[in-house]
Amino acid sequence: MYILGLTGGMAAGKSTVSKLFRRAGVPVFDADACVRDLQKPHGKAIPEIERAFPEAVKEGVLQREKLRAIIAQKEGALAQLEAIIHPLVRQERKAFLQKCRHYGVHLCVLDIPLLMETGADKECDLVLVVQAPLSVRLARIRKRFRRDGKMSEAEARRLIARQMSDQERRRRADIVLQTGLSRGHLARQVHALVHRLETERAQ
């Protein structure tokens, strides 16, 4: 079984690529969705988050805006949160891979924003990095902010600055996909990659 690690910076287009893999019938482990499940009301991560950041949890419910403010303002808060979340995500990822192997899957995808930072790339046979120009990424973030009001551009810039650089991701990647062109062009690239990898692993 090929394990393909999928990663990229904020608003680089990783979610779009992930959806294209799903449409091609490839099982995808979505780390962001896993984190949301862990952080849902009374989720598995809530007790530890409350111990670390008591002001960010109220009656078993995560106060996301308060938590984002703490992370933006308090040095070391992000690392503290990651130390809570990452081990729980690893447990869920391990269960996903076991299930894929059980069903004889030829190719699966680990969609993980911090794939390299957490060392999860070591579990992968190949690493795919999705990239887009910073101007495109900020335009996407502005559009997202207008739609749901969850994050300002200034906050986004701070978070992007904290992430691994695009140059370093490219250096460590086996495959790089550029987004920002047409959806059809991107879909064709993903389809060709899926066909190649599934054919190789099936032989």
Protein backbone atom coordinates (compact mmCIF):
# COMPACT_ATOMS: atom_id res chain seq x y z
CA MET A 1 0.00 0.00 0.00
CA TYR A 2 1.26 3.44 -0.93
CA ILE A 3 0.87 5.99 1.86
CA LEU A 4 0.86 9.45 0.31
CA GLY A 5 1.38 12.37 2.66
CA LEU A 6 -0.48 15.52 1.62
CA THR A 7 0.45 18.89 3.06
CA GLY A 8 0.75 22.58 2.30
CA GLY A 9 0.57 26.00 3.89
CA MET A 10 -2.60 27.80 4.92
CA ALA A 11 -4.93 28.42 1.93
CA ALA A 12 -2.52 26.74 -0.50
CA GLY A 13 -5.35 24.60 -1.91
CA LYS A 14 -4.78 21.41 0.06
CA SER A 15 -8.48 20.90 0.82
CA THR A 16 -9.32 21.05 -2.89
CA VAL A 17 -6.66 18.45 -3.68
CA SER A 18 -7.92 16.27 -0.83
CA LYS A 19 -11.46 16.37 -2.26
CA LEU A 20 -10.13 15.37 -5.67
CA PHE A 21 -8.46 12.29 -4.16
CA ARG A 22 -11.74 11.34 -2.49
CA ARG A 23 -13.63 11.73 -5.77
CA ALA A 24 -11.09 9.38 -7.33
CA GLY A 25 -12.00 6.78 -4.71
CA VAL A 26 -8.85 7.14 -2.61
CA PRO A 27 -9.30 6.85 1.20
CA VAL A 28 -8.20 10.09 2.90
CA PHE A 29 -7.36 10.69 6.54
CA ASP A 30 -8.28 14.33 7.21
CA ALA A 31 -6.26 15.56 10.20
CA ASP A 32 -8.24 18.82 10.40
CA ALA A 33 -11.53 16.94 10.56
CA CYS A 34 -10.01 14.67 13.20
CA VAL A 35 -8.99 17.70 15.28
CA ARG A 36 -12.49 19.16 14.98
CA ASP A 37 -13.93 15.89 16.23
CA LEU A 38 -11.48 15.81 19.14
CA GLN A 39 -12.43 19.40 20.02
CA LYS A 40 -16.20 19.07 19.65
CA PRO A 41 -18.32 19.59 22.80
CA HIS A 42 -17.09 17.07 25.39
CA GLY A 43 -14.68 15.61 22.83
CA LYS A 44 -11.63 13.57 23.78
CA ALA A 45 -9.29 16.58 23.81
CA ILE A 46 -11.50 18.94 25.81
CA PRO A 47 -10.46 17.87 29.35
CA GLU A 48 -6.75 18.39 28.63
CA ILE A 49 -7.37 21.67 26.81
CA GLU A 50 -9.38 22.91 29.80
CA ARG A 51 -6.53 22.04 32.18
CA ALA A 52 -4.04 23.96 30.02
CA PHE A 53 -6.30 26.88 29.03
CA PRO A 54 -9.21 27.05 31.51
CA GLU A 55 -10.54 30.31 30.08
CA ALA A 56 -10.93 28.67 26.65
CA VAL A 57 -13.44 26.02 27.75
CA LYS A 58 -16.89 26.57 29.18
CA GLU A 59 -19.09 23.69 30.34
CA GLY A 60 -17.26 21.21 28.11
CA VAL A 61 -17.43 23.45 25.03
CA LEU A 62 -14.32 24.95 23.42
CA GLN A 63 -14.43 28.73 23.06
CA ARG A 64 -12.53 28.89 19.77
CA GLU A 65 -12.14 32.66 19.54
CA LYS A 66 -10.67 32.78 23.05
CA LEU A 67 -8.29 29.95 22.23
CA ARG A 68 -7.16 31.67 19.01
CA ALA A 69 -6.53 34.89 20.98
CA ILE A 70 -4.43 33.01 23.54
CA ILE A 71 -2.36 31.35 20.80
CA ALA A 72 -1.79 34.68 19.04
CA GLN A 73 -0.74 36.49 22.22
CA LYS A 74 0.97 33.94 24.45
CA GLU A 75 4.37 32.59 23.51
CA GLY A 76 4.48 28.81 23.71
CA ALA A 77 0.68 28.41 23.73
CA LEU A 78 0.57 26.87 20.25
CA ALA A 79 3.22 24.30 21.16
CA GLN A 80 1.30 23.52 24.35
CA LEU A 81 -1.90 22.94 22.40
CA GLU A 82 -0.11 20.80 19.83
CA ALA A 83 1.33 18.62 22.60
CA ILE A 84 -2.25 17.83 23.59
CA ILE A 85 -3.71 17.33 20.14
CA HIS A 86 -0.97 15.54 18.19
CA PRO A 87 -0.83 12.30 20.22
CA LEU A 88 -4.62 11.94 19.93
CA VAL A 89 -4.48 12.53 16.17
CA ARG A 90 -1.72 9.89 15.86
CA GLN A 91 -4.00 7.33 17.50
CA GLU A 92 -6.77 8.05 14.98
CA ARG A 93 -4.29 7.98 12.08
CA LYS A 94 -2.97 4.59 13.14
CA ALA A 95 -6.51 3.19 13.20
CA PHE A 96 -7.16 4.60 9.70
CA LEU A 97 -4.02 2.92 8.27
CA GLN A 98 -4.88 -0.39 9.91
CA LYS A 99 -8.32 -0.27 8.30
CA CYS A 100 -6.84 0.50 4.87
CA ARG A 101 -4.45 -2.44 5.12
CA HIS A 102 -7.26 -4.72 6.26
CA TYR A 103 -9.26 -3.92 3.12
CA GLY A 104 -6.28 -4.28 0.77
CA VAL A 105 -6.20 -0.64 -0.34
CA HIS A 106 -3.45 0.15 -2.89
CA LEU A 107 -3.24 3.89 -2.13
CA CYS A 108 -4.32 6.08 0.76
CA VAL A 109 -3.71 9.72 1.64
CA LEU A 110 -2.74 11.33 4.93
CA ASP A 111 -4.01 14.92 4.68
CA ILE A 112 -2.02 16.63 7.45
CA PRO A 113 -1.22 20.38 7.53
CA LEU A 114 1.75 19.82 9.86
CA LEU A 115 2.89 16.61 8.18
CA MET A 116 6.60 17.45 8.29
CA GLU A 117 6.56 19.43 11.51
CA THR A 118 5.09 16.49 13.44
CA GLY A 119 7.29 13.87 11.79
CA ALA A 120 4.31 12.11 10.19
CA ASP A 121 6.08 12.32 6.81
CA LYS A 122 8.27 9.45 8.04
CA GLU A 123 5.20 7.20 7.87
CA CYS A 124 4.69 8.04 4.19
CA ASP A 125 6.10 6.47 1.04
CA LEU A 126 5.75 9.78 -0.81
CA VAL A 127 5.06 13.37 0.21
CA LEU A 128 2.90 15.67 -1.92
CA VAL A 129 3.13 19.40 -1.22
CA VAL A 130 0.44 21.77 -2.47
CA GLN A 131 1.58 25.34 -3.07
CA ALA A 132 0.20 28.66 -4.29
CA PRO A 133 1.64 32.19 -4.44
CA LEU A 134 1.28 34.17 -1.21
CA SER A 135 -0.97 36.72 -2.96
CA VAL A 136 -3.36 33.93 -3.97
CA ARG A 137 -3.34 32.47 -0.47
CA LEU A 138 -4.10 35.84 1.16
CA ALA A 139 -6.92 36.48 -1.34
CA ARG A 140 -8.44 33.12 -0.41
CA ILE A 141 -8.12 33.94 3.28
CA ARG A 142 -9.79 37.34 2.80
CA LYS A 143 -12.67 35.65 0.97
CA ARG A 144 -12.96 33.07 3.74
CA PHE A 145 -12.87 35.82 6.38
CA ARG A 146 -15.66 37.76 4.71
CA ARG A 147 -17.75 34.61 4.54
CA ASP A 148 -17.46 33.31 8.09
CA GLY A 149 -15.69 36.05 10.07
CA LYS A 150 -13.35 33.58 11.74
CA MET A 151 -9.95 35.00 10.88
CA SER A 152 -8.52 38.34 9.82
CA GLU A 153 -5.75 38.73 7.26
CA ALA A 154 -3.41 39.98 9.98
CA GLU A 155 -4.02 36.82 12.01
CA ALA A 156 -3.51 34.73 8.89
CA ARG A 157 -0.18 36.41 8.13
CA ARG A 158 1.02 35.70 11.66
CA LEU A 159 0.06 32.04 11.38
CA ILE A 160 1.65 31.70 7.92
CA ALA A 161 4.86 33.24 9.30
CA ARG A 162 4.95 30.58 12.02
CA GLN A 163 4.61 27.72 9.54
CA MET A 164 7.39 25.95 7.71
CA SER A 165 8.50 27.94 4.66
CA ASP A 166 7.40 26.97 1.16
CA GLN A 167 11.05 26.57 0.21
CA GLU A 168 11.62 23.99 2.94
CA ARG A 169 8.44 22.10 2.03
CA ARG A 170 9.54 21.94 -1.61
CA ARG A 171 12.97 20.69 -0.59
CA ARG A 172 11.46 17.81 1.37
CA ALA A 173 8.65 16.98 -1.07
CA ASP A 174 8.58 14.14 -3.60
CA ILE A 175 5.82 15.83 -5.61
CA VAL A 176 4.76 19.50 -5.77
CA LEU A 177 1.37 20.61 -7.13
CA GLN A 178 0.73 24.28 -7.86
CA THR A 179 -2.84 25.48 -7.39
CA GLY A 180 -4.38 28.74 -8.53
CA LEU A 181 -4.85 27.72 -12.17
CA SER A 182 -8.05 26.03 -13.35
CA ARG A 183 -9.81 23.37 -11.27
CA GLY A 184 -9.80 21.12 -14.34
CA HIS A 185 -6.02 21.35 -14.68
CA LEU A 186 -5.56 20.39 -11.04
CA ALA A 187 -8.06 17.53 -11.33
CA ARG A 188 -6.18 16.08 -14.29
CA GLN A 189 -2.90 16.18 -12.36
CA VAL A 190 -4.44 14.39 -9.38
CA HIS A 191 -6.17 11.80 -11.58
CA ALA A 192 -2.90 11.01 -13.39
CA LEU A 193 -1.05 10.67 -10.09
CA VAL A 194 -3.68 8.34 -8.64
CA HIS A 195 -3.61 6.16 -11.75
CA ARG A 196 0.19 5.93 -11.70
CA LEU A 197 0.51 5.09 -8.01
CA GLU A 198 -2.35 2.60 -7.92
CA THR A 199 -0.97 0.85 -11.00
CA GLU A 200 2.53 0.66 -9.51
CA ARG A 201 1.33 -0.72 -6.19
CA ALA A 202 -1.01 -3.25 -7.80
CA GLN A 203 1.83 -4.78 -9.85
